Amino acid sequence: MSRIDIVYGGRPYSLGGRDVESIQVEIDSAITAGVPYWLPVNAGEGRYEDAFLLIAPGIPIALVHAQVNGVSHENDTAESFIPDGL
Protein backbone atom coordinates (compact mmCIF):
# COMPACT_ATOMS: atom_id res chain seq x y z
CA MET A 1 0.00 0.00 0.00
CA SER A 2 1.24 3.45 -0.86
CA ARG A 3 1.33 6.43 1.44
CA ILE A 4 1.67 9.98 0.25
CA ASP A 5 3.12 12.51 2.66
CA ILE A 6 1.81 16.05 2.25
CA VAL A 7 3.40 19.24 3.53
CA TYR A 8 0.90 22.06 3.92
CA GLY A 9 1.47 25.21 5.93
CA GLY A 10 4.77 23.74 7.13
CA ARG A 11 3.00 20.80 8.82
CA PRO A 12 2.99 17.13 7.79
CA TYR A 13 -0.14 15.27 6.70
CA SER A 14 -0.64 11.99 4.84
CA LEU A 15 -2.96 9.99 2.62
CA GLY A 16 -2.90 6.18 2.56
CA GLY A 17 -3.85 3.90 -0.30
CA ARG A 18 -3.40 6.62 -2.93
CA ASP A 19 -0.76 7.45 -5.50
CA VAL A 20 0.71 10.85 -6.31
CA GLU A 21 -0.92 10.93 -9.74
CA SER A 22 -4.47 10.48 -8.42
CA ILE A 23 -3.98 13.24 -5.85
CA GLN A 24 -2.49 15.54 -8.50
CA VAL A 25 -5.55 14.96 -10.71
CA GLU A 26 -7.84 15.72 -7.76
CA ILE A 27 -5.97 18.94 -6.93
CA ASP A 28 -5.76 20.01 -10.60
CA SER A 29 -9.51 19.46 -11.01
CA ALA A 30 -10.24 21.56 -7.93
CA ILE A 31 -8.05 24.43 -9.10
CA THR A 32 -9.44 24.26 -12.66
CA ALA A 33 -13.00 24.45 -11.28
CA GLY A 34 -12.03 27.77 -9.70
CA VAL A 35 -13.76 27.09 -6.39
CA PRO A 36 -12.15 26.26 -3.03
CA TYR A 37 -11.88 22.52 -2.33
CA TRP A 38 -11.26 20.71 0.96
CA LEU A 39 -8.89 17.74 0.50
CA PRO A 40 -9.47 15.08 3.21
CA VAL A 41 -6.17 13.88 4.74
CA ASN A 42 -4.77 12.29 7.91
CA ALA A 43 -3.13 14.42 10.60
CA GLY A 44 -0.98 13.28 13.49
CA GLU A 45 1.45 10.46 14.00
CA GLY A 46 0.56 7.03 15.31
CA ARG A 47 -3.13 7.72 15.83
CA TYR A 48 -4.41 9.64 12.84
CA GLU A 49 -7.13 12.24 12.99
CA ASP A 50 -9.19 13.51 10.07
CA ALA A 51 -8.08 16.85 8.67
CA PHE A 52 -9.09 18.88 5.63
CA LEU A 53 -6.70 21.03 3.60
CA LEU A 54 -8.01 24.00 1.65
CA ILE A 55 -6.98 23.70 -2.00
CA ALA A 56 -7.14 26.95 -3.96
CA PRO A 57 -4.87 28.96 -6.29
CA GLY A 58 -1.90 30.51 -4.50
CA ILE A 59 -1.82 28.06 -1.57
CA PRO A 60 1.40 25.98 -1.63
CA ILE A 61 1.19 22.21 -1.13
CA ALA A 62 3.84 19.51 -1.56
CA LEU A 63 3.23 15.80 -2.24
CA VAL A 64 5.93 13.27 -1.30
CA HIS A 65 5.73 9.59 -2.25
CA ALA A 66 6.73 7.84 0.97
CA GLN A 67 8.42 4.45 0.65
CA VAL A 68 7.06 2.01 3.23
CA ASN A 69 10.31 0.02 3.49
CA GLY A 70 12.76 2.88 3.06
CA VAL A 71 14.14 4.59 -0.01
CA SER A 72 13.45 3.00 -3.38
CA HIS A 73 16.19 3.21 -5.99
CA GLU A 74 14.45 1.15 -8.67
CA ASN A 75 14.54 3.97 -11.25
CA ASP A 76 18.08 5.12 -10.49
CA THR A 77 20.64 4.92 -13.29
CA ALA A 78 24.26 5.97 -13.49
CA GLU A 79 23.17 8.95 -15.58
CA SER A 80 20.86 10.18 -12.82
CA PHE A 81 23.90 10.91 -10.63
CA ILE A 82 25.80 13.09 -13.12
CA PRO A 83 25.52 16.78 -12.19
CA ASP A 84 24.22 19.17 -14.85
CA GLY A 85 26.90 20.74 -16.99
CA LEU A 86 29.44 17.92 -16.68
PDB file of N, CA and C in Angstrom:
ATOM      1  N   MET A   1       0.852  -1.174   0.000  1.00  0.00           N
ATOM      2  CA  MET A   1       0.000   0.000   0.000  1.00  0.00           C
ATOM      3  C   MET A   1       0.895   1.233   0.000  1.00  0.00           C
ATOM      4  N   SER A   2       0.481   2.220  -0.714  1.00  0.00           N
ATOM      5  CA  SER A   2       1.245   3.446  -0.858  1.00  0.00           C
ATOM      6  C   SER A   2       0.760   4.501   0.123  1.00  0.00           C
ATOM      7  N   ARG A   3       1.695   5.305   0.592  1.00  0.00           N
ATOM      8  CA  ARG A   3       1.330   6.432   1.439  1.00  0.00           C
ATOM      9  C   ARG A   3       1.964   7.674   0.841  1.00  0.00           C
ATOM     10  N   ILE A   4       1.179   8.720   0.750  1.00  0.00           N
ATOM     11  CA  ILE A   4       1.673   9.985   0.246  1.00  0.00           C
ATOM     12  C   ILE A   4       1.753  10.949   1.417  1.00  0.00           C
ATOM     13  N   ASP A   5       2.947  11.478   1.649  1.00  0.00           N
ATOM     14  CA  ASP A   5       3.117  12.514   2.661  1.00  0.00           C
ATOM     15  C   ASP A   5       2.836  13.858   2.012  1.00  0.00           C
ATOM     16  N   ILE A   6       2.186  14.724   2.748  1.00  0.00           N
ATOM     17  CA  ILE A   6       1.813  16.046   2.251  1.00  0.00           C
ATOM     18  C   ILE A   6       2.341  17.081   3.232  1.00  0.00           C
ATOM     19  N   VAL A   7       2.970  18.112   2.697  1.00  0.00           N
ATOM     20  CA  VAL A   7       3.404  19.236   3.527  1.00  0.00           C
ATOM     21  C   VAL A   7       2.530  20.419   3.148  1.00  0.00           C
ATOM     22  N   TYR A   8       1.860  20.966   4.142  1.00  0.00           N
ATOM     23  CA  TYR A   8       0.904  22.057   3.923  1.00  0.00           C
ATOM     24  C   TYR A   8       1.014  23.004   5.104  1.00  0.00           C
ATOM     25  N   GLY A   9       1.311  24.251   4.835  1.00  0.00           N
ATOM     26  CA  GLY A   9       1.473  25.208   5.927  1.00  0.00           C
ATOM     27  C   GLY A   9       2.618  24.856   6.860  1.00  0.00           C
ATOM     28  N   GLY A  10       3.621  24.130   6.323  1.00  0.00           N
ATOM     29  CA  GLY A  10       4.770  23.735   7.131  1.00  0.00           C
ATOM     30  C   GLY A  10       4.524  22.550   8.037  1.00  0.00           C
ATOM     31  N   ARG A  11       3.345  21.945   7.958  1.00  0.00           N
ATOM     32  CA  ARG A  11       2.999  20.805   8.820  1.00  0.00           C
ATOM     33  C   ARG A  11       2.814  19.553   7.978  1.00  0.00           C
ATOM     34  N   PRO A  12       3.134  18.376   8.539  1.00  0.00           N
ATOM     35  CA  PRO A  12       2.988  17.128   7.793  1.00  0.00           C
ATOM     36  C   PRO A  12       1.579  16.531   7.898  1.00  0.00           C
ATOM     37  N   TYR A  13       1.123  16.000   6.789  1.00  0.00           N
ATOM     38  CA  TYR A  13      -0.141  15.266   6.704  1.00  0.00           C
ATOM     39  C   TYR A  13       0.127  14.055   5.825  1.00  0.00           C
ATOM     40  N   SER A  14      -0.840  13.146   5.707  1.00  0.00           N
ATOM     41  CA  SER A  14      -0.644  11.991   4.838  1.00  0.00           C
ATOM     42  C   SER A  14      -1.967  11.479   4.291  1.00  0.00           C
ATOM     43  N   LEU A  15      -1.830  10.698   3.224  1.00  0.00           N
ATOM     44  CA  LEU A  15      -2.957   9.986   2.624  1.00  0.00           C
ATOM     45  C   LEU A  15      -2.498   8.566   2.348  1.00  0.00           C
ATOM     46  N   GLY A  16      -3.244   7.573   2.806  1.00  0.00           N
ATOM     47  CA  GLY A  16      -2.901   6.185   2.564  1.00  0.00           C
ATOM     48  C   GLY A  16      -3.714   5.605   1.426  1.00  0.00           C
ATOM     49  N   GLY A  17      -3.136   4.599   0.759  1.00  0.00           N
ATOM     50  CA  GLY A  17      -3.845   3.903  -0.303  1.00  0.00           C
ATOM     51  C   GLY A  17      -4.054   4.721  -1.563  1.00  0.00           C
ATOM     52  N   ARG A  18      -3.285   5.759  -1.753  1.00  0.00           N
ATOM     53  CA  ARG A  18      -3.399   6.623  -2.935  1.00  0.00           C
ATOM     54  C   ARG A  18      -2.038   6.721  -3.595  1.00  0.00           C
ATOM     55  N   ASP A  19      -2.024   7.160  -4.853  1.00  0.00           N
ATOM     56  CA  ASP A  19      -0.757   7.454  -5.502  1.00  0.00           C
ATOM     57  C   ASP A  19      -0.696   8.943  -5.826  1.00  0.00           C
ATOM     58  N   VAL A  20       0.506   9.426  -6.059  1.00  0.00           N
ATOM     59  CA  VAL A  20       0.709  10.852  -6.310  1.00  0.00           C
ATOM     60  C   VAL A  20      -0.140  11.324  -7.480  1.00  0.00           C
ATOM     61  N   GLU A  21      -0.190  10.526  -8.545  1.00  0.00           N
ATOM     62  CA  GLU A  21      -0.917  10.932  -9.741  1.00  0.00           C
ATOM     63  C   GLU A  21      -2.400  11.171  -9.467  1.00  0.00           C
ATOM     64  N   SER A  22      -3.039  10.306  -8.693  1.00  0.00           N
ATOM     65  CA  SER A  22      -4.473  10.480  -8.423  1.00  0.00           C
ATOM     66  C   SER A  22      -4.733  11.733  -7.582  1.00  0.00           C
ATOM     67  N   ILE A  23      -3.819  12.033  -6.666  1.00  0.00           N
ATOM     68  CA  ILE A  23      -3.977  13.240  -5.852  1.00  0.00           C
ATOM     69  C   ILE A  23      -3.732  14.483  -6.698  1.00  0.00           C
ATOM     70  N   GLN A  24      -2.745  14.417  -7.601  1.00  0.00           N
ATOM     71  CA  GLN A  24      -2.489  15.542  -8.500  1.00  0.00           C
ATOM     72  C   GLN A  24      -3.708  15.828  -9.368  1.00  0.00           C
ATOM     73  N   VAL A  25      -4.344  14.785  -9.888  1.00  0.00           N
ATOM     74  CA  VAL A  25      -5.549  14.963 -10.706  1.00  0.00           C
ATOM     75  C   VAL A  25      -6.654  15.611  -9.878  1.00  0.00           C
ATOM     76  N   GLU A  26      -6.821  15.158  -8.642  1.00  0.00           N
ATOM     77  CA  GLU A  26      -7.844  15.720  -7.756  1.00  0.00           C
ATOM     78  C   GLU A  26      -7.583  17.207  -7.479  1.00  0.00           C
ATOM     79  N   ILE A  27      -6.326  17.548  -7.199  1.00  0.00           N
ATOM     80  CA  ILE A  27      -5.968  18.943  -6.932  1.00  0.00           C
ATOM     81  C   ILE A  27      -6.114  19.789  -8.194  1.00  0.00           C
ATOM     82  N   ASP A  28      -5.628  19.275  -9.328  1.00  0.00           N
ATOM     83  CA  ASP A  28      -5.756  20.005 -10.598  1.00  0.00           C
ATOM     84  C   ASP A  28      -7.214  20.280 -10.932  1.00  0.00           C
ATOM     85  N   SER A  29      -8.077  19.293 -10.732  1.00  0.00           N
ATOM     86  CA  SER A  29      -9.510  19.464 -11.013  1.00  0.00           C
ATOM     87  C   SER A  29     -10.114  20.544 -10.127  1.00  0.00           C
ATOM     88  N   ALA A  30      -9.718  20.552  -8.857  1.00  0.00           N
ATOM     89  CA  ALA A  30     -10.242  21.556  -7.926  1.00  0.00           C
ATOM     90  C   ALA A  30      -9.814  22.957  -8.338  1.00  0.00           C
ATOM     91  N   ILE A  31      -8.550  23.112  -8.709  1.00  0.00           N
ATOM     92  CA  ILE A  31      -8.052  24.433  -9.103  1.00  0.00           C
ATOM     93  C   ILE A  31      -8.673  24.874 -10.421  1.00  0.00           C
ATOM     94  N   THR A  32      -8.826  23.944 -11.367  1.00  0.00           N
ATOM     95  CA  THR A  32      -9.439  24.261 -12.656  1.00  0.00           C
ATOM     96  C   THR A  32     -10.891  24.695 -12.483  1.00  0.00           C
ATOM     97  N   ALA A  33     -11.592  24.097 -11.525  1.00  0.00           N
ATOM     98  CA  ALA A  33     -12.997  24.450 -11.280  1.00  0.00           C
ATOM     99  C   ALA A  33     -13.126  25.871 -10.745  1.00  0.00           C
ATOM    100  N   GLY A  34     -12.034  26.389 -10.170  1.00  0.00           N
ATOM    101  CA  GLY A  34     -12.035  27.769  -9.699  1.00  0.00           C
ATOM    102  C   GLY A  34     -12.784  28.011  -8.401  1.00  0.00           C
ATOM    103  N   VAL A  35     -13.084  26.941  -7.689  1.00  0.00           N
ATOM    104  CA  VAL A  35     -13.760  27.089  -6.395  1.00  0.00           C
ATOM    105  C   VAL A  35     -12.898  26.411  -5.323  1.00  0.00           C
ATOM    106  N   PRO A  36     -12.920  26.902  -4.094  1.00  0.00           N
ATOM    107  CA  PRO A  36     -12.147  26.258  -3.029  1.00  0.00           C
ATOM    108  C   PRO A  36     -12.583  24.798  -2.842  1.00  0.00           C
ATOM    109  N   TYR A  37     -11.630  23.951  -2.500  1.00  0.00           N
ATOM    110  CA  TYR A  37     -11.881  22.524  -2.326  1.00  0.00           C
ATOM    111  C   TYR A  37     -11.182  22.070  -1.048  1.00  0.00           C
ATOM    112  N   TRP A  38     -11.836  21.244  -0.272  1.00  0.00           N
ATOM    113  CA  TRP A  38     -11.257  20.708   0.957  1.00  0.00           C
ATOM    114  C   TRP A  38     -10.794  19.277   0.705  1.00  0.00           C
ATOM    115  N   LEU A  39      -9.484  19.058   0.719  1.00  0.00           N
ATOM    116  CA  LEU A  39      -8.892  17.740   0.500  1.00  0.00           C
ATOM    117  C   LEU A  39      -8.831  16.994   1.834  1.00  0.00           C
ATOM    118  N   PRO A  40      -9.517  15.839   1.948  1.00  0.00           N
ATOM    119  CA  PRO A  40      -9.468  15.079   3.205  1.00  0.00           C
ATOM    120  C   PRO A  40      -8.129  14.345   3.337  1.00  0.00           C
ATOM    121  N   VAL A  41      -7.469  14.499   4.479  1.00  0.00           N
ATOM    122  CA  VAL A  41      -6.172  13.881   4.743  1.00  0.00           C
ATOM    123  C   VAL A  41      -6.133  13.375   6.183  1.00  0.00           C
ATOM    124  N   ASN A  42      -5.020  12.733   6.534  1.00  0.00           N
ATOM    125  CA  ASN A  42      -4.771  12.294   7.909  1.00  0.00           C
ATOM    126  C   ASN A  42      -3.793  13.252   8.567  1.00  0.00           C
ATOM    127  N   ALA A  43      -4.047  13.585   9.823  1.00  0.00           N
ATOM    128  CA  ALA A  43      -3.133  14.421  10.601  1.00  0.00           C
ATOM    129  C   ALA A  43      -2.671  13.632  11.811  1.00  0.00           C
ATOM    130  N   GLY A  44      -1.486  13.951  12.301  1.00  0.00           N
ATOM    131  CA  GLY A  44      -0.975  13.283  13.487  1.00  0.00           C
ATOM    132  C   GLY A  44      -0.054  12.141  13.141  1.00  0.00           C
ATOM    133  N   GLU A  45       0.556  11.600  14.163  1.00  0.00           N
ATOM    134  CA  GLU A  45       1.449  10.460  13.999  1.00  0.00           C
ATOM    135  C   GLU A  45       0.999   9.372  14.954  1.00  0.00           C
ATOM    136  N   GLY A  46       1.049   8.133  14.481  1.00  0.00           N
ATOM    137  CA  GLY A  46       0.559   7.032  15.306  1.00  0.00           C
ATOM    138  C   GLY A  46      -0.942   6.904  15.179  1.00  0.00           C
ATOM    139  N   ARG A  47      -1.662   7.713  15.904  1.00  0.00           N
ATOM    140  CA  ARG A  47      -3.129   7.717  15.827  1.00  0.00           C
ATOM    141  C   ARG A  47      -3.549   8.899  14.957  1.00  0.00           C
ATOM    142  N   TYR A  48      -4.051   8.589  13.781  1.00  0.00           N
ATOM    143  CA  TYR A  48      -4.412   9.641  12.837  1.00  0.00           C
ATOM    144  C   TYR A  48      -5.761  10.255  13.162  1.00  0.00           C
ATOM    145  N   GLU A  49      -5.873  11.520  12.867  1.00  0.00           N
ATOM    146  CA  GLU A  49      -7.132  12.244  12.988  1.00  0.00           C
ATOM    147  C   GLU A  49      -7.475  12.808  11.622  1.00  0.00           C
ATOM    148  N   ASP A  50      -8.765  12.922  11.335  1.00  0.00           N
ATOM    149  CA  ASP A  50      -9.192  13.509  10.072  1.00  0.00           C
ATOM    150  C   ASP A  50      -8.843  14.986  10.039  1.00  0.00           C
ATOM    151  N   ALA A  51      -8.372  15.427   8.887  1.00  0.00           N
ATOM    152  CA  ALA A  51      -8.084  16.846   8.670  1.00  0.00           C
ATOM    153  C   ALA A  51      -8.490  17.170   7.239  1.00  0.00           C
ATOM    154  N   PHE A  52      -8.698  18.432   6.960  1.00  0.00           N
ATOM    155  CA  PHE A  52      -9.092  18.878   5.627  1.00  0.00           C
ATOM    156  C   PHE A  52      -8.236  20.071   5.241  1.00  0.00           C
ATOM    157  N   LEU A  53      -7.575  19.967   4.083  1.00  0.00           N
ATOM    158  CA  LEU A  53      -6.698  21.027   3.602  1.00  0.00           C
ATOM    159  C   LEU A  53      -7.409  21.819   2.519  1.00  0.00           C
ATOM    160  N   LEU A  54      -7.387  23.135   2.642  1.00  0.00           N
ATOM    161  CA  LEU A  54      -8.011  23.999   1.649  1.00  0.00           C
ATOM    162  C   LEU A  54      -7.124  24.063   0.410  1.00  0.00           C
ATOM    163  N   ILE A  55      -7.688  23.666  -0.723  1.00  0.00           N
ATOM    164  CA  ILE A  55      -6.981  23.703  -1.999  1.00  0.00           C
ATOM    165  C   ILE A  55      -7.566  24.841  -2.818  1.00  0.00           C
ATOM    166  N   ALA A  56      -6.720  25.796  -3.159  1.00  0.00           N
ATOM    167  CA  ALA A  56      -7.137  26.948  -3.956  1.00  0.00           C
ATOM    168  C   ALA A  56      -5.887  27.557  -4.581  1.00  0.00           C
ATOM    169  N   PRO A  57      -6.040  28.324  -5.660  1.00  0.00           N
ATOM    170  CA  PRO A  57      -4.875  28.958  -6.285  1.00  0.00           C
ATOM    171  C   PRO A  57      -4.093  29.800  -5.278  1.00  0.00           C
ATOM    172  N   GLY A  58      -2.757  29.704  -5.352  1.00  0.00           N
ATOM    173  CA  GLY A  58      -1.898  30.512  -4.496  1.00  0.00           C
ATOM    174  C   GLY A  58      -1.553  29.893  -3.158  1.00  0.00           C
ATOM    175  N   ILE A  59      -2.128  28.731  -2.840  1.00  0.00           N
ATOM    176  CA  ILE A  59      -1.823  28.059  -1.572  1.00  0.00           C
ATOM    177  C   ILE A  59      -0.835  26.929  -1.865  1.00  0.00           C
ATOM    178  N   PRO A  60       0.400  27.012  -1.329  1.00  0.00           N
ATOM    179  CA  PRO A  60       1.397  25.983  -1.631  1.00  0.00           C
ATOM    180  C   PRO A  60       1.096  24.660  -0.932  1.00  0.00           C
ATOM    181  N   ILE A  61       1.357  23.564  -1.664  1.00  0.00           N
ATOM    182  CA  ILE A  61       1.190  22.214  -1.135  1.00  0.00           C
ATOM    183  C   ILE A  61       2.260  21.345  -1.780  1.00  0.00           C
ATOM    184  N   ALA A  62       2.831  20.412  -1.025  1.00  0.00           N
ATOM    185  CA  ALA A  62       3.844  19.505  -1.557  1.00  0.00           C
ATOM    186  C   ALA A  62       3.403  18.071  -1.313  1.00  0.00           C
ATOM    187  N   LEU A  63       3.541  17.223  -2.340  1.00  0.00           N
ATOM    188  CA  LEU A  63       3.231  15.802  -2.237  1.00  0.00           C
ATOM    189  C   LEU A  63       4.541  15.027  -2.285  1.00  0.00           C
ATOM    190  N   VAL A  64       4.712  14.073  -1.364  1.00  0.00           N
ATOM    191  CA  VAL A  64       5.928  13.273  -1.297  1.00  0.00           C
ATOM    192  C   VAL A  64       5.526  11.810  -1.264  1.00  0.00           C
ATOM    193  N   HIS A  65       6.032  11.020  -2.232  1.00  0.00           N
ATOM    194  CA  HIS A  65       5.725   9.594  -2.251  1.00  0.00           C
ATOM    195  C   HIS A  65       6.596   8.896  -1.214  1.00  0.00           C
ATOM    196  N   ALA A  66       5.998   8.489  -0.116  1.00  0.00           N
ATOM    197  CA  ALA A  66       6.734   7.838   0.972  1.00  0.00           C
ATOM    198  C   ALA A  66       6.921   6.362   0.654  1.00  0.00           C
ATOM    199  N   GLN A  67       8.130   5.861   0.850  1.00  0.00           N
ATOM    200  CA  GLN A  67       8.421   4.450   0.646  1.00  0.00           C
ATOM    201  C   GLN A  67       8.241   3.725   1.975  1.00  0.00           C
ATOM    202  N   VAL A  68       7.372   2.718   1.994  1.00  0.00           N
ATOM    203  CA  VAL A  68       7.057   2.007   3.230  1.00  0.00           C
ATOM    204  C   VAL A  68       8.287   1.342   3.831  1.00  0.00           C
ATOM    205  N   ASN A  69       9.135   0.737   2.995  1.00  0.00           N
ATOM    206  CA  ASN A  69      10.309   0.017   3.486  1.00  0.00           C
ATOM    207  C   ASN A  69      11.600   0.784   3.230  1.00  0.00           C
ATOM    208  N   GLY A  70      11.561   2.076   3.286  1.00  0.00           N
ATOM    209  CA  GLY A  70      12.758   2.877   3.064  1.00  0.00           C
ATOM    210  C   GLY A  70      12.798   3.452   1.667  1.00  0.00           C
ATOM    211  N   VAL A  71      13.968   3.918   1.273  1.00  0.00           N
ATOM    212  CA  VAL A  71      14.143   4.592  -0.008  1.00  0.00           C
ATOM    213  C   VAL A  71      14.181   3.576  -1.132  1.00  0.00           C
ATOM    214  N   SER A  72      13.446   3.842  -2.194  1.00  0.00           N
ATOM    215  CA  SER A  72      13.451   2.999  -3.379  1.00  0.00           C
ATOM    216  C   SER A  72      14.403   3.592  -4.400  1.00  0.00           C
ATOM    217  N   HIS A  73      15.262   2.759  -4.957  1.00  0.00           N
ATOM    218  CA  HIS A  73      16.189   3.214  -5.988  1.00  0.00           C
ATOM    219  C   HIS A  73      15.935   2.481  -7.297  1.00  0.00           C
ATOM    220  N   GLU A  74      14.730   1.969  -7.502  1.00  0.00           N
ATOM    221  CA  GLU A  74      14.450   1.146  -8.669  1.00  0.00           C
ATOM    222  C   GLU A  74      14.593   1.886  -9.986  1.00  0.00           C
ATOM    223  N   ASN A  75      14.425   3.203 -10.009  1.00  0.00           N
ATOM    224  CA  ASN A  75      14.540   3.965 -11.249  1.00  0.00           C
ATOM    225  C   ASN A  75      15.877   4.674 -11.381  1.00  0.00           C
ATOM    226  N   ASP A  76      16.785   4.462 -10.438  1.00  0.00           N
ATOM    227  CA  ASP A  76      18.083   5.121 -10.493  1.00  0.00           C
ATOM    228  C   ASP A  76      18.937   4.515 -11.598  1.00  0.00           C
ATOM    229  N   THR A  77      19.668   5.358 -12.288  1.00  0.00           N
ATOM    230  CA  THR A  77      20.636   4.923 -13.286  1.00  0.00           C
ATOM    231  C   THR A  77      21.913   5.692 -13.036  1.00  0.00           C
ATOM    232  N   ALA A  78      22.991   5.257 -13.647  1.00  0.00           N
ATOM    233  CA  ALA A  78      24.258   5.972 -13.487  1.00  0.00           C
ATOM    234  C   ALA A  78      24.120   7.402 -13.964  1.00  0.00           C
ATOM    235  N   GLU A  79      23.350   7.617 -15.037  1.00  0.00           N
ATOM    236  CA  GLU A  79      23.174   8.953 -15.584  1.00  0.00           C
ATOM    237  C   GLU A  79      22.453   9.880 -14.614  1.00  0.00           C
ATOM    238  N   SER A  80      21.628   9.334 -13.735  1.00  0.00           N
ATOM    239  CA  SER A  80      20.864  10.185 -12.820  1.00  0.00           C
ATOM    240  C   SER A  80      21.748  10.831 -11.759  1.00  0.00           C
ATOM    241  N   PHE A  81      22.998  10.366 -11.633  1.00  0.00           N
ATOM    242  CA  PHE A  81      23.896  10.915 -10.627  1.00  0.00           C
ATOM    243  C   PHE A  81      24.944  11.859 -11.204  1.00  0.00           C
ATOM    244  N   ILE A  82      24.859  12.166 -12.494  1.00  0.00           N
ATOM    245  CA  ILE A  82      25.800  13.088 -13.123  1.00  0.00           C
ATOM    246  C   ILE A  82      25.257  14.500 -12.991  1.00  0.00           C
ATOM    247  N   PRO A  83      25.996  15.409 -12.335  1.00  0.00           N
ATOM    248  CA  PRO A  83      25.516  16.784 -12.186  1.00  0.00           C
ATOM    249  C   PRO A  83      25.353  17.471 -13.536  1.00  0.00           C
ATOM    250  N   ASP A  84      24.420  18.400 -13.620  1.00  0.00           N
ATOM    251  CA  ASP A  84      24.225  19.168 -14.847  1.00  0.00           C
ATOM    252  C   ASP A  84      25.502  19.905 -15.212  1.00  0.00           C
ATOM    253  N   GLY A  85      25.770  19.976 -16.500  1.00  0.00           N
ATOM    254  CA  GLY A  85      26.905  20.745 -16.986  1.00  0.00           C
ATOM    255  C   GLY A  85      28.208  19.974 -17.019  1.00  0.00           C
ATOM    256  N   LEU A  86      28.206  18.706 -16.622  1.00  0.00           N
ATOM    257  CA  LEU A  86      29.441  17.921 -16.678  1.00  0.00           C
ATOM    258  C   LEU A  86      29.411  16.966 -17.823  1.00  0.00           C
TER     259      LEU A  86
END
